[in-house]
Amino acid sequence: MCEIERISELLKKQNKTQKELTDYLGVSKNLFTEWKAGRNHSYWKYLKEIADCLDCSIDYLVGRTDIPDVNKG
């Protein structure tokens, strides 16, 4: 599972919207659409902020662990 799939999965599990995440990051919703389509990979520079927003580890986002909870891995 790639980073964007994990981000989308966590958004759904936490009942958060893409807009909530993009507002938190200060980026446009269109940019998130570009990320999902694989046309832009600039989300890499936001991994720390994304992990903070979704209360998970960067290791989970990049596939180094399958445990999303930052306190359990």
Protein backbone atom coordinates (compact mmCIF):
# COMPACT_ATOMS: atom_id res chain seq x y z
CA MET A 1 0.00 0.00 0.00
CA CYS A 2 1.46 3.37 -0.97
CA GLU A 3 1.54 6.47 1.21
CA ILE A 4 -1.51 8.12 -0.35
CA GLU A 5 -3.56 4.94 0.08
CA ARG A 6 -2.61 4.85 3.75
CA ILE A 7 -3.44 8.53 4.16
CA SER A 8 -6.83 8.03 2.49
CA GLU A 9 -7.50 4.95 4.64
CA LEU A 10 -6.72 6.85 7.85
CA LEU A 11 -8.89 9.79 6.80
CA LYS A 12 -11.80 7.42 6.28
CA LYS A 13 -11.23 5.55 9.57
CA GLN A 14 -11.04 8.83 11.48
CA ASN A 15 -14.04 10.37 9.69
CA LYS A 16 -11.87 13.23 8.48
CA THR A 17 -12.18 14.82 5.07
CA GLN A 18 -9.52 15.57 2.51
CA LYS A 19 -10.42 19.23 3.01
CA GLU A 20 -9.65 18.99 6.73
CA LEU A 21 -6.23 17.57 5.91
CA THR A 22 -5.47 20.07 3.16
CA ASP A 23 -6.60 22.94 5.39
CA TYR A 24 -4.31 21.62 8.14
CA LEU A 25 -1.42 21.46 5.68
CA GLY A 26 -2.24 24.80 4.05
CA VAL A 27 -2.45 23.28 0.56
CA SER A 28 -5.22 23.17 -2.02
CA LYS A 29 -7.66 20.28 -2.31
CA ASN A 30 -6.62 20.13 -5.97
CA LEU A 31 -3.09 19.30 -4.85
CA PHE A 32 -4.41 16.35 -2.84
CA THR A 33 -6.23 15.19 -5.98
CA GLU A 34 -2.90 15.37 -7.85
CA TRP A 35 -1.29 13.29 -5.11
CA LYS A 36 -4.02 10.64 -5.34
CA ALA A 37 -3.70 10.51 -9.12
CA GLY A 38 0.07 10.05 -8.85
CA ARG A 39 0.80 13.23 -10.82
CA ASN A 40 2.53 14.93 -7.91
CA HIS A 41 4.54 13.51 -5.03
CA SER A 42 5.13 16.70 -3.08
CA TYR A 43 3.31 15.15 -0.11
CA TRP A 44 6.70 13.74 0.92
CA LYS A 45 7.65 17.13 2.33
CA TYR A 46 4.47 17.10 4.45
CA LEU A 47 4.83 13.59 5.93
CA LYS A 48 5.55 14.86 9.46
CA GLU A 49 2.54 17.18 9.40
CA ILE A 50 0.32 14.49 7.86
CA ALA A 51 1.40 12.02 10.54
CA ASP A 52 0.67 14.62 13.24
CA CYS A 53 -2.76 15.37 11.80
CA LEU A 54 -3.66 11.68 11.52
CA ASP A 55 -2.02 10.70 14.82
CA CYS A 56 0.17 8.05 13.25
CA SER A 57 3.85 7.50 12.66
CA ILE A 58 5.75 8.46 9.53
CA ASP A 59 6.95 4.84 9.49
CA TYR A 60 3.32 3.75 9.07
CA LEU A 61 2.73 6.22 6.25
CA VAL A 62 5.78 5.01 4.30
CA GLY A 63 5.09 1.32 4.92
CA ARG A 64 7.85 0.51 7.42
CA THR A 65 5.25 -0.78 9.88
CA ASP A 66 1.65 -1.88 9.68
CA ILE A 67 0.84 -0.40 13.08
CA PRO A 68 -0.66 3.07 12.56
CA ASP A 69 -0.88 4.03 16.26
CA VAL A 70 2.19 6.09 17.03
CA ASN A 71 2.11 4.87 20.66
CA LYS A 72 2.03 1.15 19.83
CA GLY A 73 4.82 0.85 17.30
